[in-house]
Protein backbone atom coordinates (compact mmCIF):
# COMPACT_ATOMS: atom_id res chain seq x y z
CA MET A 1 -18.75 0.57 60.88
CA SER A 2 -22.23 0.90 62.23
CA ASN A 3 -23.67 4.25 63.24
CA SER A 4 -25.19 2.82 66.43
CA GLY A 5 -22.35 3.94 68.65
CA PRO A 6 -18.62 3.70 69.10
CA PRO A 7 -16.83 0.66 67.68
CA LYS A 8 -16.17 -2.28 69.94
CA ALA A 9 -12.55 -2.63 71.01
CA TYR A 10 -10.77 -5.96 70.64
CA PRO A 11 -7.22 -5.64 72.00
CA VAL A 12 -4.91 -8.50 71.04
CA SER A 13 -1.75 -9.23 73.04
CA TRP A 14 1.46 -10.57 71.51
CA ASP A 15 0.83 -13.94 73.17
CA GLN A 16 -2.70 -14.15 71.81
CA PHE A 17 -1.60 -13.10 68.33
CA HIS A 18 1.16 -15.71 68.32
CA ARG A 19 -1.29 -18.43 69.38
CA ASP A 20 -3.76 -17.33 66.69
CA ALA A 21 -1.04 -17.26 64.00
CA ARG A 22 0.09 -20.77 64.96
CA ALA A 23 -3.55 -21.91 64.85
CA LEU A 24 -3.76 -20.47 61.34
CA ALA A 25 -0.60 -22.37 60.35
CA TRP A 26 -2.08 -25.58 61.76
CA ARG A 27 -5.30 -25.04 59.79
CA LEU A 28 -3.29 -24.30 56.63
CA SER A 29 -1.02 -27.34 57.03
CA THR A 30 -3.47 -29.54 55.11
CA LYS A 31 -4.20 -26.94 52.40
CA GLY A 32 -0.76 -26.88 50.75
CA PRO A 33 1.92 -27.49 49.92
CA PHE A 34 2.76 -23.85 49.34
CA GLU A 35 5.82 -22.83 47.35
CA ALA A 36 5.65 -19.19 48.44
CA ILE A 37 3.84 -16.78 50.71
CA VAL A 38 2.68 -13.37 49.53
CA THR A 39 1.97 -11.18 52.52
CA ILE A 40 -0.17 -8.06 52.38
CA THR A 41 1.76 -5.35 54.16
CA ARG A 42 2.06 -4.13 56.69
CA GLY A 43 -0.37 -6.12 58.77
CA GLY A 44 0.42 -9.45 57.16
CA LEU A 45 4.14 -9.34 57.93
CA VAL A 46 4.00 -10.75 61.45
CA PRO A 47 1.56 -13.60 60.75
CA ALA A 48 3.45 -14.43 57.54
CA ALA A 49 6.69 -14.86 59.50
CA ILE A 50 5.02 -17.20 61.98
CA VAL A 51 3.16 -19.22 59.34
CA ALA A 52 6.27 -19.43 57.13
CA ARG A 53 8.24 -20.87 60.04
CA GLU A 54 5.56 -23.39 60.94
CA LEU A 55 4.97 -24.54 57.35
CA GLU A 56 8.68 -24.29 56.41
CA VAL A 57 8.05 -21.93 53.50
CA ARG A 58 11.23 -20.05 52.58
CA VAL A 59 10.00 -17.75 49.78
CA ILE A 60 8.16 -14.74 51.17
CA GLU A 61 7.06 -11.84 48.98
CA THR A 62 5.13 -8.69 49.80
CA VAL A 63 2.38 -6.81 48.07
CA CYS A 64 2.15 -3.37 49.59
CA ILE A 65 -1.34 -1.90 49.67
CA ALA A 66 -2.29 1.05 51.81
CA SER A 67 -5.90 1.27 52.91
CA TYR A 68 -5.98 2.31 56.58
CA ASP A 69 -5.01 5.11 58.77
CA PHE A 70 -5.87 5.02 62.45
CA LYS A 71 -9.60 4.26 62.87
CA LYS A 72 -10.48 4.98 59.22
CA GLN A 73 -10.43 2.94 56.04
CA GLY A 74 -9.59 4.92 52.93
CA ASP A 75 -9.09 4.27 49.23
CA LEU A 76 -6.74 1.46 48.24
CA GLN A 77 -3.35 2.32 46.84
CA VAL A 78 -0.84 -0.23 45.54
CA LEU A 79 2.56 0.91 46.76
CA LYS A 80 4.46 -2.20 45.52
CA PRO A 81 3.07 -4.97 43.30
CA VAL A 82 3.87 -8.68 43.53
CA ALA A 83 7.32 -9.43 42.08
CA PRO A 84 7.31 -10.98 38.56
CA ALA A 85 9.24 -14.05 39.84
CA ILE A 86 6.26 -15.00 42.02
CA MET A 87 4.01 -14.97 38.96
CA LYS A 88 6.13 -17.80 37.51
CA ILE A 89 5.19 -20.18 40.34
CA GLY A 90 2.59 -22.86 39.61
CA ASP A 91 0.11 -21.84 36.95
CA GLY A 92 1.13 -18.17 36.96
CA LYS A 93 -2.17 -17.29 38.61
CA GLY A 94 -1.40 -18.13 42.23
CA LYS A 95 -1.55 -21.93 42.40
CA GLY A 96 0.87 -22.99 45.15
CA ILE A 97 0.91 -19.51 46.69
CA LEU A 98 -0.45 -18.61 50.12
CA VAL A 99 -1.61 -15.00 50.60
CA ILE A 100 -1.61 -13.85 54.23
CA ASP A 101 -2.98 -10.79 55.99
CA ASP A 102 -3.70 -10.03 59.63
CA LEU A 103 -7.34 -9.06 59.04
CA THR A 104 -9.93 -9.00 56.30
CA ASP A 105 -12.33 -6.17 57.03
CA THR A 106 -14.42 -5.25 53.98
CA GLY A 107 -12.54 -7.65 51.68
CA LYS A 108 -11.46 -4.85 49.31
CA THR A 109 -7.74 -5.48 49.78
CA ALA A 110 -8.12 -9.24 49.32
CA LYS A 111 -10.24 -8.67 46.20
CA MET A 112 -7.50 -6.50 44.72
CA VAL A 113 -4.85 -9.15 45.38
CA ARG A 114 -7.15 -11.93 44.19
CA GLU A 115 -7.35 -10.18 40.80
CA ILE A 116 -3.56 -10.66 40.55
CA LEU A 117 -3.45 -14.18 42.06
CA PRO A 118 -6.91 -15.71 41.50
CA ASN A 119 -5.82 -19.28 42.25
CA ALA A 120 -3.88 -18.51 45.45
CA HIS A 121 -5.10 -19.62 48.87
CA PHE A 122 -6.06 -16.55 50.94
CA ALA A 123 -5.75 -16.60 54.74
CA ALA A 124 -6.08 -14.12 57.59
CA ILE A 125 -6.00 -14.36 61.35
CA TYR A 126 -9.15 -12.30 61.85
CA ALA A 127 -12.17 -11.72 59.62
CA LYS A 128 -15.19 -9.45 59.69
CA PRO A 129 -18.46 -10.53 58.05
CA MET A 130 -17.99 -8.35 54.94
CA GLY A 131 -14.49 -9.70 54.29
CA ALA A 132 -14.85 -13.34 55.35
CA PRO A 133 -16.40 -14.59 52.06
CA ILE A 134 -13.42 -13.24 50.08
CA ILE A 135 -10.81 -15.37 51.84
CA ASP A 136 -10.41 -19.13 52.18
CA THR A 137 -9.16 -19.61 55.76
CA PHE A 138 -9.30 -17.55 58.94
CA ILE A 139 -9.22 -18.19 62.70
CA THR A 140 -11.49 -15.70 64.46
CA GLU A 141 -14.49 -13.73 63.22
CA VAL A 142 -15.37 -10.44 64.89
CA SER A 143 -18.33 -8.15 64.26
CA GLN A 144 -18.08 -5.52 61.52
CA ASP A 145 -18.16 -2.72 64.12
CA THR A 146 -15.17 -4.11 66.04
CA TRP A 147 -11.81 -2.35 65.90
CA ILE A 148 -8.93 -4.76 66.48
CA TYR A 149 -6.00 -3.27 68.35
CA PHE A 150 -2.96 -5.29 67.25
CA PRO A 151 -0.01 -5.62 69.62
CA TRP A 152 2.28 -3.61 67.32
CA ASP A 153 -0.19 -0.70 67.49
CA MET A 154 -0.21 -0.48 71.28
CA GLY A 155 2.11 0.51 74.08
CA LEU A 156 1.92 -0.37 77.72
CA SER A 157 -0.53 2.01 79.32
CA TYR A 158 -3.49 2.08 81.64
CA GLN A 159 -6.74 0.83 80.09
CA GLU A 160 -10.01 2.36 81.24
CA PRO A 161 -12.47 -0.32 82.48
CA MET A 162 -15.07 -1.20 79.83
CA ARG A 163 -18.00 -0.02 81.92
CA LYS A 164 -16.48 3.45 82.33
CA GLY A 165 -15.86 3.82 78.60
CA GLY A 166 -19.56 3.58 77.81
């Protein structure tokens, strides 16, 4: 994130996220067919469910990579690799597989998964400039200094007007 001030906030409601995930599915509908989805957890779980429904993909696998805590990106850690059965699909290098995440920020997570599945199609709902070149399809680009508040990260509470927050 830039040092020029606090990050920009981009809160996303459940309705908006659902619309964006369906838009991603629509955009992906001409890129397949896909035999399986590999979702990068945890953020990719919700969009993967929506895209899988829309594209009628029944095989969904996870790759579990931890890189974030609240407001800070840390070192990548693979908590669970892609299952060996997924590696038998297509050419064994990702052909016919759709990889989904909620956001590509720096692209480090996608790069790590792309090393495992180099021929997979990579998609995310949101992309920042550093991560966008690493993936194949996304819906909305936000600035690198924007922090996206996903609906599963928020509760119902009063929001300070933007002008008061600085």
